[in-house]
Amino acid sequence: MNCVKVKVAGLRGTIELEAIVDTDFNGDLCIPITLAVQIGLILEYVHDVELADGSRKRVPVYSCNVELNDLKRRAEVILTDGTDALIGASMLKSSSITISYKTRKVTVTFY
């Protein structure tokens, strides 16, 4: 899997996690519920989303501060029951992604 390190800060703390680069995910960030509770994310609104299987679901959207490659910004977060964190196309739209298949490393550069 191609992952990038991201720091996620909520009201009660900050965590560093490895997020899978998912260009099919239109949002900023998706993290496990357990981590969101731990750091205290802020509920912003409820949004209709289309899942990978084509079904639709209403999900709460939270906000947090994130840090990627020393660049800090505000992000919207959707929670998952799973264990994987995802970084999506919305977060990546002001960046370039380089994938080295030889070293199996993904580098994200923000502008």
PDB file of N, CA and C in Angstrom:
ATOM      1  N   MET A   1       0.837  -1.184   0.000  1.00  0.00           N
ATOM      2  CA  MET A   1       0.000   0.000   0.000  1.00  0.00           C
ATOM      3  C   MET A   1       0.878   1.242   0.000  1.00  0.00           C
ATOM      4  N   ASN A   2       0.391   2.274  -0.653  1.00  0.00           N
ATOM      5  CA  ASN A   2       1.092   3.543  -0.687  1.00  0.00           C
ATOM      6  C   ASN A   2       0.515   4.456   0.378  1.00  0.00           C
ATOM      7  N   CYS A   3       1.331   4.767   1.381  1.00  0.00           N
ATOM      8  CA  CYS A   3       0.881   5.544   2.527  1.00  0.00           C
ATOM      9  C   CYS A   3       1.740   6.787   2.721  1.00  0.00           C
ATOM     10  N   VAL A   4       1.139   7.780   3.376  1.00  0.00           N
ATOM     11  CA  VAL A   4       1.867   8.970   3.790  1.00  0.00           C
ATOM     12  C   VAL A   4       1.608   9.188   5.274  1.00  0.00           C
ATOM     13  N   LYS A   5       2.585   9.773   5.952  1.00  0.00           N
ATOM     14  CA  LYS A   5       2.406  10.096   7.361  1.00  0.00           C
ATOM     15  C   LYS A   5       1.670  11.419   7.482  1.00  0.00           C
ATOM     16  N   VAL A   6       0.700  11.445   8.380  1.00  0.00           N
ATOM     17  CA  VAL A   6      -0.082  12.656   8.609  1.00  0.00           C
ATOM     18  C   VAL A   6      -0.328  12.795  10.111  1.00  0.00           C
ATOM     19  N   LYS A   7      -0.183  14.019  10.617  1.00  0.00           N
ATOM     20  CA  LYS A   7      -0.522  14.315  12.012  1.00  0.00           C
ATOM     21  C   LYS A   7      -1.922  14.912  12.018  1.00  0.00           C
ATOM     22  N   VAL A   8      -2.762  14.404  12.913  1.00  0.00           N
ATOM     23  CA  VAL A   8      -4.147  14.845  13.021  1.00  0.00           C
ATOM     24  C   VAL A   8      -4.367  15.366  14.433  1.00  0.00           C
ATOM     25  N   ALA A   9      -4.828  16.611  14.548  1.00  0.00           N
ATOM     26  CA  ALA A   9      -5.009  17.243  15.857  1.00  0.00           C
ATOM     27  C   ALA A   9      -6.476  17.563  16.101  1.00  0.00           C
ATOM     28  N   GLY A  10      -6.956  17.151  17.274  1.00  0.00           N
ATOM     29  CA  GLY A  10      -8.304  17.465  17.715  1.00  0.00           C
ATOM     30  C   GLY A  10      -8.251  18.276  18.996  1.00  0.00           C
ATOM     31  N   LEU A  11      -9.375  18.357  19.692  1.00  0.00           N
ATOM     32  CA  LEU A  11      -9.446  19.137  20.934  1.00  0.00           C
ATOM     33  C   LEU A  11      -8.669  18.510  22.092  1.00  0.00           C
ATOM     34  N   ARG A  12      -8.509  17.164  22.068  1.00  0.00           N
ATOM     35  CA  ARG A  12      -7.874  16.479  23.194  1.00  0.00           C
ATOM     36  C   ARG A  12      -6.496  15.912  22.893  1.00  0.00           C
ATOM     37  N   GLY A  13      -5.978  16.154  21.720  1.00  0.00           N
ATOM     38  CA  GLY A  13      -4.658  15.619  21.446  1.00  0.00           C
ATOM     39  C   GLY A  13      -4.347  15.502  19.967  1.00  0.00           C
ATOM     40  N   THR A  14      -3.147  15.010  19.693  1.00  0.00           N
ATOM     41  CA  THR A  14      -2.646  14.841  18.326  1.00  0.00           C
ATOM     42  C   THR A  14      -2.137  13.422  18.160  1.00  0.00           C
ATOM     43  N   ILE A  15      -2.407  12.844  17.004  1.00  0.00           N
ATOM     44  CA  ILE A  15      -1.879  11.520  16.683  1.00  0.00           C
ATOM     45  C   ILE A  15      -1.156  11.604  15.341  1.00  0.00           C
ATOM     46  N   GLU A  16      -0.186  10.733  15.163  1.00  0.00           N
ATOM     47  CA  GLU A  16       0.456  10.597  13.863  1.00  0.00           C
ATOM     48  C   GLU A  16       0.064   9.236  13.316  1.00  0.00           C
ATOM     49  N   LEU A  17      -0.388   9.210  12.079  1.00  0.00           N
ATOM     50  CA  LEU A  17      -0.812   7.948  11.503  1.00  0.00           C
ATOM     51  C   LEU A  17      -0.358   7.842  10.061  1.00  0.00           C
ATOM     52  N   GLU A  18      -0.420   6.627   9.549  1.00  0.00           N
ATOM     53  CA  GLU A  18      -0.103   6.355   8.152  1.00  0.00           C
ATOM     54  C   GLU A  18      -1.437   6.280   7.413  1.00  0.00           C
ATOM     55  N   ALA A  19      -1.610   7.153   6.426  1.00  0.00           N
ATOM     56  CA  ALA A  19      -2.852   7.172   5.655  1.00  0.00           C
ATOM     57  C   ALA A  19      -2.594   6.640   4.250  1.00  0.00           C
ATOM     58  N   ILE A  20      -3.486   5.784   3.807  1.00  0.00           N
ATOM     59  CA  ILE A  20      -3.405   5.231   2.463  1.00  0.00           C
ATOM     60  C   ILE A  20      -3.820   6.312   1.463  1.00  0.00           C
ATOM     61  N   VAL A  21      -3.031   6.528   0.432  1.00  0.00           N
ATOM     62  CA  VAL A  21      -3.374   7.465  -0.630  1.00  0.00           C
ATOM     63  C   VAL A  21      -4.483   6.830  -1.469  1.00  0.00           C
ATOM     64  N   ASP A  22      -5.669   7.447  -1.443  1.00  0.00           N
ATOM     65  CA  ASP A  22      -6.843   6.897  -2.130  1.00  0.00           C
ATOM     66  C   ASP A  22      -7.439   7.975  -3.025  1.00  0.00           C
ATOM     67  N   THR A  23      -7.043   7.993  -4.280  1.00  0.00           N
ATOM     68  CA  THR A  23      -7.519   9.024  -5.197  1.00  0.00           C
ATOM     69  C   THR A  23      -8.976   8.827  -5.613  1.00  0.00           C
ATOM     70  N   ASP A  24      -9.581   7.682  -5.278  1.00  0.00           N
ATOM     71  CA  ASP A  24     -11.011   7.476  -5.519  1.00  0.00           C
ATOM     72  C   ASP A  24     -11.864   8.059  -4.400  1.00  0.00           C
ATOM     73  N   PHE A  25     -11.251   8.401  -3.276  1.00  0.00           N
ATOM     74  CA  PHE A  25     -11.946   9.030  -2.151  1.00  0.00           C
ATOM     75  C   PHE A  25     -11.900  10.538  -2.376  1.00  0.00           C
ATOM     76  N   ASN A  26     -13.070  11.158  -2.532  1.00  0.00           N
ATOM     77  CA  ASN A  26     -13.140  12.586  -2.868  1.00  0.00           C
ATOM     78  C   ASN A  26     -12.888  13.521  -1.700  1.00  0.00           C
ATOM     79  N   GLY A  27     -12.949  13.023  -0.471  1.00  0.00           N
ATOM     80  CA  GLY A  27     -12.802  13.879   0.700  1.00  0.00           C
ATOM     81  C   GLY A  27     -11.352  14.163   1.058  1.00  0.00           C
ATOM     82  N   ASP A  28     -11.181  14.797   2.228  1.00  0.00           N
ATOM     83  CA  ASP A  28      -9.846  15.106   2.739  1.00  0.00           C
ATOM     84  C   ASP A  28      -9.224  13.891   3.414  1.00  0.00           C
ATOM     85  N   LEU A  29      -9.911  13.414   4.456  1.00  0.00           N
ATOM     86  CA  LEU A  29      -9.328  12.393   5.317  1.00  0.00           C
ATOM     87  C   LEU A  29     -10.425  11.497   5.875  1.00  0.00           C
ATOM     88  N   CYS A  30     -10.118  10.229   6.022  1.00  0.00           N
ATOM     89  CA  CYS A  30     -11.017   9.264   6.641  1.00  0.00           C
ATOM     90  C   CYS A  30     -10.191   8.514   7.680  1.00  0.00           C
ATOM     91  N   ILE A  31     -10.641   8.522   8.932  1.00  0.00           N
ATOM     92  CA  ILE A  31      -9.884   7.839   9.988  1.00  0.00           C
ATOM     93  C   ILE A  31     -10.813   6.952  10.815  1.00  0.00           C
ATOM     94  N   PRO A  32     -10.241   5.958  11.507  1.00  0.00           N
ATOM     95  CA  PRO A  32     -11.050   5.086  12.370  1.00  0.00           C
ATOM     96  C   PRO A  32     -11.723   5.861  13.505  1.00  0.00           C
ATOM     97  N   ILE A  33     -12.936   5.456  13.829  1.00  0.00           N
ATOM     98  CA  ILE A  33     -13.713   6.090  14.902  1.00  0.00           C
ATOM     99  C   ILE A  33     -12.924   6.125  16.200  1.00  0.00           C
ATOM    100  N   THR A  34     -12.242   5.040  16.529  1.00  0.00           N
ATOM    101  CA  THR A  34     -11.511   4.969  17.799  1.00  0.00           C
ATOM    102  C   THR A  34     -10.480   6.078  17.925  1.00  0.00           C
ATOM    103  N   LEU A  35      -9.822   6.426  16.826  1.00  0.00           N
ATOM    104  CA  LEU A  35      -8.829   7.504  16.864  1.00  0.00           C
ATOM    105  C   LEU A  35      -9.498   8.867  17.000  1.00  0.00           C
ATOM    106  N   ALA A  36     -10.629   9.045  16.332  1.00  0.00           N
ATOM    107  CA  ALA A  36     -11.356  10.315  16.414  1.00  0.00           C
ATOM    108  C   ALA A  36     -11.810  10.603  17.836  1.00  0.00           C
ATOM    109  N   VAL A  37     -12.312   9.576  18.517  1.00  0.00           N
ATOM    110  CA  VAL A  37     -12.750   9.737  19.911  1.00  0.00           C
ATOM    111  C   VAL A  37     -11.560  10.093  20.790  1.00  0.00           C
ATOM    112  N   GLN A  38     -10.435   9.436  20.559  1.00  0.00           N
ATOM    113  CA  GLN A  38      -9.225   9.658  21.348  1.00  0.00           C
ATOM    114  C   GLN A  38      -8.734  11.106  21.276  1.00  0.00           C
ATOM    115  N   ILE A  39      -8.786  11.727  20.092  1.00  0.00           N
ATOM    116  CA  ILE A  39      -8.237  13.084  19.953  1.00  0.00           C
ATOM    117  C   ILE A  39      -9.294  14.185  20.017  1.00  0.00           C
ATOM    118  N   GLY A  40     -10.572  13.837  20.016  1.00  0.00           N
ATOM    119  CA  GLY A  40     -11.633  14.829  20.172  1.00  0.00           C
ATOM    120  C   GLY A  40     -11.864  15.709  18.957  1.00  0.00           C
ATOM    121  N   LEU A  41     -12.366  15.111  17.881  1.00  0.00           N
ATOM    122  CA  LEU A  41     -12.662  15.897  16.684  1.00  0.00           C
ATOM    123  C   LEU A  41     -13.937  16.720  16.872  1.00  0.00           C
ATOM    124  N   ILE A  42     -14.097  17.751  16.052  1.00  0.00           N
ATOM    125  CA  ILE A  42     -15.230  18.673  16.145  1.00  0.00           C
ATOM    126  C   ILE A  42     -16.245  18.326  15.054  1.00  0.00           C
ATOM    127  N   LEU A  43     -17.503  18.048  15.455  1.00  0.00           N
ATOM    128  CA  LEU A  43     -18.560  17.758  14.490  1.00  0.00           C
ATOM    129  C   LEU A  43     -18.936  19.047  13.766  1.00  0.00           C
ATOM    130  N   GLU A  44     -18.930  18.996  12.417  1.00  0.00           N
ATOM    131  CA  GLU A  44     -19.270  20.176  11.613  1.00  0.00           C
ATOM    132  C   GLU A  44     -20.663  20.072  11.009  1.00  0.00           C
ATOM    133  N   TYR A  45     -20.976  18.946  10.351  1.00  0.00           N
ATOM    134  CA  TYR A  45     -22.265  18.767   9.687  1.00  0.00           C
ATOM    135  C   TYR A  45     -22.438  17.305   9.287  1.00  0.00           C
ATOM    136  N   VAL A  46     -23.614  16.970   8.734  1.00  0.00           N
ATOM    137  CA  VAL A  46     -23.890  15.626   8.229  1.00  0.00           C
ATOM    138  C   VAL A  46     -24.016  15.728   6.706  1.00  0.00           C
ATOM    139  N   HIS A  47     -23.430  14.759   5.998  1.00  0.00           N
ATOM    140  CA  HIS A  47     -23.310  14.834   4.544  1.00  0.00           C
ATOM    141  C   HIS A  47     -23.670  13.489   3.913  1.00  0.00           C
ATOM    142  N   ASP A  48     -24.308  13.515   2.741  1.00  0.00           N
ATOM    143  CA  ASP A  48     -24.579  12.292   1.976  1.00  0.00           C
ATOM    144  C   ASP A  48     -23.344  11.946   1.157  1.00  0.00           C
ATOM    145  N   VAL A  49     -22.878  10.703   1.269  1.00  0.00           N
ATOM    146  CA  VAL A  49     -21.706  10.262   0.508  1.00  0.00           C
ATOM    147  C   VAL A  49     -22.050   8.997  -0.262  1.00  0.00           C
ATOM    148  N   GLU A  50     -21.321   8.779  -1.360  1.00  0.00           N
ATOM    149  CA  GLU A  50     -21.447   7.539  -2.117  1.00  0.00           C
ATOM    150  C   GLU A  50     -20.263   6.662  -1.742  1.00  0.00           C
ATOM    151  N   LEU A  51     -20.549   5.439  -1.300  1.00  0.00           N
ATOM    152  CA  LEU A  51     -19.511   4.504  -0.896  1.00  0.00           C
ATOM    153  C   LEU A  51     -18.938   3.773  -2.104  1.00  0.00           C
ATOM    154  N   ALA A  52     -17.842   3.076  -1.899  1.00  0.00           N
ATOM    155  CA  ALA A  52     -17.151   2.373  -2.987  1.00  0.00           C
ATOM    156  C   ALA A  52     -18.060   1.369  -3.698  1.00  0.00           C
ATOM    157  N   ASP A  53     -19.025   0.794  -2.976  1.00  0.00           N
ATOM    158  CA  ASP A  53     -19.924  -0.189  -3.594  1.00  0.00           C
ATOM    159  C   ASP A  53     -21.111   0.461  -4.311  1.00  0.00           C
ATOM    160  N   GLY A  54     -21.138   1.805  -4.356  1.00  0.00           N
ATOM    161  CA  GLY A  54     -22.197   2.523  -5.039  1.00  0.00           C
ATOM    162  C   GLY A  54     -23.372   2.903  -4.157  1.00  0.00           C
ATOM    163  N   SER A  55     -23.431   2.378  -2.952  1.00  0.00           N
ATOM    164  CA  SER A  55     -24.523   2.731  -2.044  1.00  0.00           C
ATOM    165  C   SER A  55     -24.299   4.139  -1.476  1.00  0.00           C
ATOM    166  N   ARG A  56     -25.368   4.729  -0.981  1.00  0.00           N
ATOM    167  CA  ARG A  56     -25.285   6.073  -0.391  1.00  0.00           C
ATOM    168  C   ARG A  56     -25.546   5.981   1.096  1.00  0.00           C
ATOM    169  N   LYS A  57     -24.932   6.892   1.841  1.00  0.00           N
ATOM    170  CA  LYS A  57     -25.045   6.882   3.299  1.00  0.00           C
ATOM    171  C   LYS A  57     -24.883   8.304   3.822  1.00  0.00           C
ATOM    172  N   ARG A  58     -25.636   8.645   4.866  1.00  0.00           N
ATOM    173  CA  ARG A  58     -25.455   9.941   5.544  1.00  0.00           C
ATOM    174  C   ARG A  58     -24.386   9.743   6.620  1.00  0.00           C
ATOM    175  N   VAL A  59     -23.365  10.586   6.577  1.00  0.00           N
ATOM    176  CA  VAL A  59     -22.268  10.452   7.537  1.00  0.00           C
ATOM    177  C   VAL A  59     -21.966  11.802   8.178  1.00  0.00           C
ATOM    178  N   PRO A  60     -21.590  11.770   9.453  1.00  0.00           N
ATOM    179  CA  PRO A  60     -21.149  13.018  10.077  1.00  0.00           C
ATOM    180  C   PRO A  60     -19.762  13.395   9.558  1.00  0.00           C
ATOM    181  N   VAL A  61     -19.549  14.689   9.399  1.00  0.00           N
ATOM    182  CA  VAL A  61     -18.252  15.200   8.948  1.00  0.00           C
ATOM    183  C   VAL A  61     -17.672  16.038  10.080  1.00  0.00           C
ATOM    184  N   TYR A  62     -16.436  15.728  10.428  1.00  0.00           N
ATOM    185  CA  TYR A  62     -15.738  16.400  11.523  1.00  0.00           C
ATOM    186  C   TYR A  62     -14.635  17.276  10.948  1.00  0.00           C
ATOM    187  N   SER A  63     -14.091  18.163  11.766  1.00  0.00           N
ATOM    188  CA  SER A  63     -12.967  18.975  11.315  1.00  0.00           C
ATOM    189  C   SER A  63     -11.805  18.803  12.278  1.00  0.00           C
ATOM    190  N   CYS A  64     -10.622  19.050  11.739  1.00  0.00           N
ATOM    191  CA  CYS A  64      -9.409  18.952  12.550  1.00  0.00           C
ATOM    192  C   CYS A  64      -8.302  19.731  11.855  1.00  0.00           C
ATOM    193  N   ASN A  65      -7.180  19.841  12.517  1.00  0.00           N
ATOM    194  CA  ASN A  65      -5.975  20.386  11.911  1.00  0.00           C
ATOM    195  C   ASN A  65      -5.086  19.213  11.542  1.00  0.00           C
ATOM    196  N   VAL A  66      -4.481  19.280  10.366  1.00  0.00           N
ATOM    197  CA  VAL A  66      -3.580  18.220   9.931  1.00  0.00           C
ATOM    198  C   VAL A  66      -2.230  18.827   9.561  1.00  0.00           C
ATOM    199  N   GLU A  67      -1.214  17.970   9.626  1.00  0.00           N
ATOM    200  CA  GLU A  67       0.121  18.363   9.194  1.00  0.00           C
ATOM    201  C   GLU A  67       0.675  17.266   8.301  1.00  0.00           C
ATOM    202  N   LEU A  68       1.034  17.669   7.091  1.00  0.00           N
ATOM    203  CA  LEU A  68       1.621  16.772   6.101  1.00  0.00           C
ATOM    204  C   LEU A  68       2.885  17.432   5.578  1.00  0.00           C
ATOM    205  N   ASN A  69       4.010  16.758   5.707  1.00  0.00           N
ATOM    206  CA  ASN A  69       5.272  17.319   5.207  1.00  0.00           C
ATOM    207  C   ASN A  69       5.508  18.742   5.712  1.00  0.00           C
ATOM    208  N   ASP A  70       5.260  18.970   6.987  1.00  0.00           N
ATOM    209  CA  ASP A  70       5.451  20.270   7.642  1.00  0.00           C
ATOM    210  C   ASP A  70       4.484  21.355   7.177  1.00  0.00           C
ATOM    211  N   LEU A  71       3.490  21.020   6.363  1.00  0.00           N
ATOM    212  CA  LEU A  71       2.467  21.970   5.956  1.00  0.00           C
ATOM    213  C   LEU A  71       1.227  21.722   6.804  1.00  0.00           C
ATOM    214  N   LYS A  72       0.742  22.785   7.451  1.00  0.00           N
ATOM    215  CA  LYS A  72      -0.436  22.651   8.318  1.00  0.00           C
ATOM    216  C   LYS A  72      -1.643  23.237   7.604  1.00  0.00           C
ATOM    217  N   ARG A  73      -2.783  22.548   7.756  1.00  0.00           N
ATOM    218  CA  ARG A  73      -4.032  23.046   7.197  1.00  0.00           C
ATOM    219  C   ARG A  73      -5.228  22.439   7.920  1.00  0.00           C
ATOM    220  N   ARG A  74      -6.385  22.992   7.682  1.00  0.00           N
ATOM    221  CA  ARG A  74      -7.642  22.494   8.230  1.00  0.00           C
ATOM    222  C   ARG A  74      -8.159  21.418   7.285  1.00  0.00           C
ATOM    223  N   ALA A  75      -8.779  20.382   7.855  1.00  0.00           N
ATOM    224  CA  ALA A  75      -9.290  19.291   7.027  1.00  0.00           C
ATOM    225  C   ALA A  75     -10.637  18.820   7.541  1.00  0.00           C
ATOM    226  N   GLU A  76     -11.432  18.276   6.624  1.00  0.00           N
ATOM    227  CA  GLU A  76     -12.683  17.619   6.985  1.00  0.00           C
ATOM    228  C   GLU A  76     -12.416  16.130   7.068  1.00  0.00           C
ATOM    229  N   VAL A  77     -13.029  15.497   8.060  1.00  0.00           N
ATOM    230  CA  VAL A  77     -12.762  14.091   8.337  1.00  0.00           C
ATOM    231  C   VAL A  77     -14.071  13.308   8.361  1.00  0.00           C
ATOM    232  N   ILE A  78     -14.055  12.180   7.684  1.00  0.00           N
ATOM    233  CA  ILE A  78     -15.143  11.201   7.760  1.00  0.00           C
ATOM    234  C   ILE A  78     -14.599  10.024   8.545  1.00  0.00           C
ATOM    235  N   LEU A  79     -15.434   9.424   9.367  1.00  0.00           N
ATOM    236  CA  LEU A  79     -14.991   8.321  10.214  1.00  0.00           C
ATOM    237  C   LEU A  79     -15.339   6.978   9.600  1.00  0.00           C
ATOM    238  N   THR A  80     -14.533   5.974   9.936  1.00  0.00           N
ATOM    239  CA  THR A  80     -14.762   4.626   9.445  1.00  0.00           C
ATOM    240  C   THR A  80     -14.761   3.634  10.602  1.00  0.00           C
ATOM    241  N   ASP A  81     -15.519   2.558  10.441  1.00  0.00           N
ATOM    242  CA  ASP A  81     -15.493   1.463  11.417  1.00  0.00           C
ATOM    243  C   ASP A  81     -14.244   0.606  11.235  1.00  0.00           C
ATOM    244  N   GLY A  82     -13.581   0.754  10.092  1.00  0.00           N
ATOM    245  CA  GLY A  82     -12.392  -0.040   9.797  1.00  0.00           C
ATOM    246  C   GLY A  82     -11.161   0.448  10.544  1.00  0.00           C
ATOM    247  N   THR A  83     -10.015  -0.091  10.148  1.00  0.00           N
ATOM    248  CA  THR A  83      -8.761   0.249  10.835  1.00  0.00           C
ATOM    249  C   THR A  83      -7.823   1.098   9.982  1.00  0.00           C
ATOM    250  N   ASP A  84      -8.159   1.292   8.695  1.00  0.00           N
ATOM    251  CA  ASP A  84      -7.284   2.042   7.801  1.00  0.00           C
ATOM    252  C   ASP A  84      -7.681   3.511   7.723  1.00  0.00           C
ATOM    253  N   ALA A  85      -6.682   4.376   7.710  1.00  0.00           N
ATOM    254  CA  ALA A  85      -6.901   5.799   7.454  1.00  0.00           C
ATOM    255  C   ALA A  85      -6.666   6.042   5.969  1.00  0.00           C
ATOM    256  N   LEU A  86      -7.458   6.955   5.389  1.00  0.00           N
ATOM    257  CA  LEU A  86      -7.330   7.291   3.974  1.00  0.00           C
ATOM    258  C   LEU A  86      -7.100   8.782   3.823  1.00  0.00           C
ATOM    259  N   ILE A  87      -6.237   9.150   2.887  1.00  0.00           N
ATOM    260  CA  ILE A  87      -6.094  10.550   2.495  1.00  0.00           C
ATOM    261  C   ILE A  87      -6.629  10.641   1.079  1.00  0.00           C
ATOM    262  N   GLY A  88      -7.580  11.575   0.873  1.00  0.00           N
ATOM    263  CA  GLY A  88      -8.303  11.602  -0.384  1.00  0.00           C
ATOM    264  C   GLY A  88      -7.906  12.713  -1.331  1.00  0.00           C
ATOM    265  N   ALA A  89      -8.597  12.728  -2.476  1.00  0.00           N
ATOM    266  CA  ALA A  89      -8.290  13.641  -3.570  1.00  0.00           C
ATOM    267  C   ALA A  89      -8.430  15.109  -3.180  1.00  0.00           C
ATOM    268  N   SER A  90      -9.384  15.434  -2.325  1.00  0.00           N
ATOM    269  CA  SER A  90      -9.562  16.830  -1.923  1.00  0.00           C
ATOM    270  C   SER A  90      -8.335  17.347  -1.184  1.00  0.00           C
ATOM    271  N   MET A  91      -7.753  16.524  -0.334  1.00  0.00           N
ATOM    272  CA  MET A  91      -6.550  16.919   0.409  1.00  0.00           C
ATOM    273  C   MET A  91      -5.343  16.995  -0.528  1.00  0.00           C
ATOM    274  N   LEU A  92      -5.368  16.202  -1.577  1.00  0.00           N
ATOM    275  CA  LEU A  92      -4.211  16.093  -2.470  1.00  0.00           C
ATOM    276  C   LEU A  92      -4.256  17.031  -3.672  1.00  0.00           C
ATOM    277  N   LYS A  93      -5.356  17.783  -3.847  1.00  0.00           N
ATOM    278  CA  LYS A  93      -5.500  18.565  -5.078  1.00  0.00           C
ATOM    279  C   LYS A  93      -4.473  19.679  -5.230  1.00  0.00           C
ATOM    280  N   SER A  94      -3.864  20.137  -4.156  1.00  0.00           N
ATOM    281  CA  SER A  94      -2.812  21.158  -4.259  1.00  0.00           C
ATOM    282  C   SER A  94      -1.439  20.535  -4.018  1.00  0.00           C
ATOM    283  N   SER A  95      -1.242  19.350  -4.570  1.00  0.00           N
ATOM    284  CA  SER A  95       0.016  18.649  -4.346  1.00  0.00           C
ATOM    285  C   SER A  95       0.438  17.886  -5.588  1.00  0.00           C
ATOM    286  N   SER A  96       1.642  17.382  -5.531  1.00  0.00           N
ATOM    287  CA  SER A  96       2.071  16.406  -6.535  1.00  0.00           C
ATOM    288  C   SER A  96       2.483  15.154  -5.778  1.00  0.00           C
ATOM    289  N   ILE A  97       2.239  14.014  -6.381  1.00  0.00           N
ATOM    290  CA  ILE A  97       2.549  12.735  -5.749  1.00  0.00           C
ATOM    291  C   ILE A  97       3.578  12.023  -6.610  1.00  0.00           C
ATOM    292  N   THR A  98       4.649  11.597  -5.975  1.00  0.00           N
ATOM    293  CA  THR A  98       5.668  10.813  -6.658  1.00  0.00           C
ATOM    294  C   THR A  98       5.706   9.438  -6.020  1.00  0.00           C
ATOM    295  N   ILE A  99       5.619   8.411  -6.834  1.00  0.00           N
ATOM    296  CA  ILE A  99       5.673   7.042  -6.328  1.00  0.00           C
ATOM    297  C   ILE A  99       6.928   6.380  -6.878  1.00  0.00           C
ATOM    298  N   SER A 100       7.785   5.923  -5.981  1.00  0.00           N
ATOM    299  CA  SER A 100       8.962   5.167  -6.390  1.00  0.00           C
ATOM    300  C   SER A 100       8.644   3.691  -6.182  1.00  0.00           C
ATOM    301  N   TYR A 101       8.442   2.993  -7.270  1.00  0.00           N
ATOM    302  CA  TYR A 101       8.154   1.563  -7.167  1.00  0.00           C
ATOM    303  C   TYR A 101       9.384   0.801  -6.675  1.00  0.00           C
ATOM    304  N   LYS A 102      10.556   1.316  -7.009  1.00  0.00           N
ATOM    305  CA  LYS A 102      11.798   0.657  -6.603  1.00  0.00           C
ATOM    306  C   LYS A 102      11.955   0.641  -5.082  1.00  0.00           C
ATOM    307  N   THR A 103      11.718   1.804  -4.445  1.00  0.00           N
ATOM    308  CA  THR A 103      11.881   1.888  -2.987  1.00  0.00           C
ATOM    309  C   THR A 103      10.567   1.699  -2.237  1.00  0.00           C
ATOM    310  N   ARG A 104       9.461   1.612  -3.009  1.00  0.00           N
ATOM    311  CA  ARG A 104       8.117   1.465  -2.434  1.00  0.00           C
ATOM    312  C   ARG A 104       7.773   2.638  -1.522  1.00  0.00           C
ATOM    313  N   LYS A 105       8.133   3.854  -1.958  1.00  0.00           N
ATOM    314  CA  LYS A 105       7.903   5.055  -1.169  1.00  0.00           C
ATOM    315  C   LYS A 105       7.037   6.037  -1.954  1.00  0.00           C
ATOM    316  N   VAL A 106       6.094   6.658  -1.240  1.00  0.00           N
ATOM    317  CA  VAL A 106       5.244   7.688  -1.818  1.00  0.00           C
ATOM    318  C   VAL A 106       5.656   9.018  -1.208  1.00  0.00           C
ATOM    319  N   THR A 107       5.870   9.999  -2.059  1.00  0.00           N
ATOM    320  CA  THR A 107       6.222  11.341  -1.589  1.00  0.00           C
ATOM    321  C   THR A 107       5.138  12.306  -2.051  1.00  0.00           C
ATOM    322  N   VAL A 108       4.586  13.047  -1.103  1.00  0.00           N
ATOM    323  CA  VAL A 108       3.578  14.051  -1.425  1.00  0.00           C
ATOM    324  C   VAL A 108       4.199  15.421  -1.182  1.00  0.00           C
ATOM    325  N   THR A 109       4.154  16.274  -2.199  1.00  0.00           N
ATOM    326  CA  THR A 109       4.677  17.633  -2.086  1.00  0.00           C
ATOM    327  C   THR A 109       3.519  18.601  -2.263  1.00  0.00           C
ATOM    328  N   PHE A 110       3.330  19.490  -1.277  1.00  0.00           N
ATOM    329  CA  PHE A 110       2.239  20.458  -1.324  1.00  0.00           C
ATOM    330  C   PHE A 110       2.762  21.808  -1.810  1.00  0.00           C
ATOM    331  N   TYR A 111       1.911  22.517  -2.527  1.00  0.00           N
ATOM    332  CA  TYR A 111       2.268  23.836  -3.061  1.00  0.00           C
ATOM    333  C   TYR A 111       1.480  24.906  -2.363  1.00  0.00           C
TER     334      TYR A 111
END
